[in-house]
Amino acid sequence: MLNIEKSQAADMLRQFSILFVDDDADVRDSMASYLGRRVSHIYTAENGEAGLSSFMAMRPDIVISDVRMQGMDGWIDDVSQDS
C-alpha cells in the first residue's frame, strides 16, 4: 500500500482534472463545489451525451459518472486516445 501523508496526497490531487457527469443538478452542483476545492479543474455535464462531448474536448484525468441517466447513460465501454 502506498504510504503518503495527507498533505502529499492533497498536493497530488490538485494536479488532476475531473469531469463529473450527473443528471441531478443538485448532486452535480454540490459535487462540483466539493471537488473543485481539491483539484485543478472540475468540469460538469448534465447527461451522457454532454459528458462524452466534454470528455473529448477537455480530456480530463478522471471521469466520475452517474450510471443511470436518461438517453446515454454513464457506461462507456471504450474511449480511445485516438478519437
Protein backbone atom coordinates (compact mmCIF):
# COMPACT_ATOMS: atom_id res chain seq x y z
CA MET A 1 0.00 0.00 0.00
CA LEU A 2 1.21 3.47 -0.85
CA ASN A 3 2.27 5.31 2.28
CA ILE A 4 1.93 9.09 1.83
CA GLU A 5 0.91 11.85 4.17
CA LYS A 6 -2.36 13.74 3.79
CA SER A 7 -0.60 16.91 2.64
CA GLN A 8 1.24 14.96 -0.06
CA ALA A 9 -1.99 13.34 -1.18
CA ALA A 10 -3.73 16.73 -1.35
CA ASP A 11 -0.86 18.14 -3.41
CA MET A 12 -1.06 15.20 -5.80
CA LEU A 13 -4.83 15.54 -6.14
CA ARG A 14 -4.53 19.23 -7.04
CA GLN A 15 -2.77 18.22 -10.25
CA PHE A 16 -5.79 16.37 -11.63
CA SER A 17 -8.81 17.48 -13.62
CA ILE A 18 -12.17 15.77 -13.12
CA LEU A 19 -15.28 15.53 -15.26
CA PHE A 20 -18.38 14.90 -13.12
CA VAL A 21 -21.48 13.73 -15.01
CA ASP A 22 -24.88 13.58 -13.33
CA ASP A 23 -28.41 14.42 -14.44
CA ASP A 24 -29.38 15.63 -10.95
CA ALA A 25 -28.47 19.33 -10.84
CA ASP A 26 -28.27 19.43 -7.03
CA VAL A 27 -25.85 16.49 -6.89
CA ARG A 28 -23.84 17.89 -9.80
CA ASP A 29 -23.52 21.33 -8.21
CA SER A 30 -22.65 20.08 -4.73
CA MET A 31 -20.04 17.63 -6.03
CA ALA A 32 -18.57 20.28 -8.32
CA SER A 33 -18.20 22.58 -5.33
CA TYR A 34 -16.64 19.85 -3.18
CA LEU A 35 -14.29 18.53 -5.85
CA GLY A 36 -13.44 21.99 -7.16
CA ARG A 37 -11.72 22.82 -3.87
CA ARG A 38 -9.46 19.79 -4.26
CA VAL A 39 -8.46 19.51 -7.93
CA SER A 40 -7.00 21.81 -10.56
CA HIS A 41 -10.08 21.77 -12.82
CA ILE A 42 -13.61 20.46 -12.43
CA TYR A 43 -15.85 20.05 -15.45
CA THR A 44 -19.51 19.07 -15.25
CA ALA A 45 -22.06 17.67 -17.66
CA GLU A 46 -25.78 17.05 -17.26
CA ASN A 47 -26.07 13.79 -19.23
CA GLY A 48 -24.10 11.10 -21.04
CA GLU A 49 -24.03 12.88 -24.40
CA ALA A 50 -22.77 16.14 -22.87
CA GLY A 51 -20.33 14.14 -20.76
CA LEU A 52 -18.85 12.38 -23.77
CA SER A 53 -18.60 15.66 -25.65
CA SER A 54 -16.88 17.32 -22.67
CA PHE A 55 -14.54 14.36 -22.32
CA MET A 56 -13.49 14.60 -25.95
CA ALA A 57 -12.95 18.36 -25.70
CA MET A 58 -11.34 18.65 -22.25
CA ARG A 59 -9.61 15.25 -21.82
CA PRO A 60 -9.89 15.22 -18.00
CA ASP A 61 -7.69 12.91 -15.96
CA ILE A 62 -10.66 11.36 -14.11
CA VAL A 63 -14.31 10.86 -15.04
CA ILE A 64 -16.97 10.27 -12.37
CA SER A 65 -20.36 9.48 -13.84
CA ASP A 66 -23.85 8.57 -12.75
CA VAL A 67 -24.63 5.27 -14.47
CA ARG A 68 -28.42 5.69 -14.54
CA MET A 69 -29.35 8.62 -16.74
CA GLN A 70 -31.93 9.12 -19.49
CA GLY A 71 -30.62 8.65 -23.01
CA MET A 72 -26.93 7.84 -22.97
CA ASP A 73 -26.05 6.57 -19.51
CA GLY A 74 -22.71 6.64 -17.73
CA TRP A 75 -21.44 3.32 -19.07
CA ILE A 76 -18.83 3.99 -21.73
CA ASP A 77 -17.03 0.88 -22.91
CA ASP A 78 -14.14 2.42 -24.80
CA VAL A 79 -12.92 5.91 -25.49
CA SER A 80 -9.63 5.54 -27.27
CA GLN A 81 -6.89 8.14 -27.18
CA ASP A 82 -7.12 8.44 -30.98
CA SER A 83 -10.76 9.57 -31.02
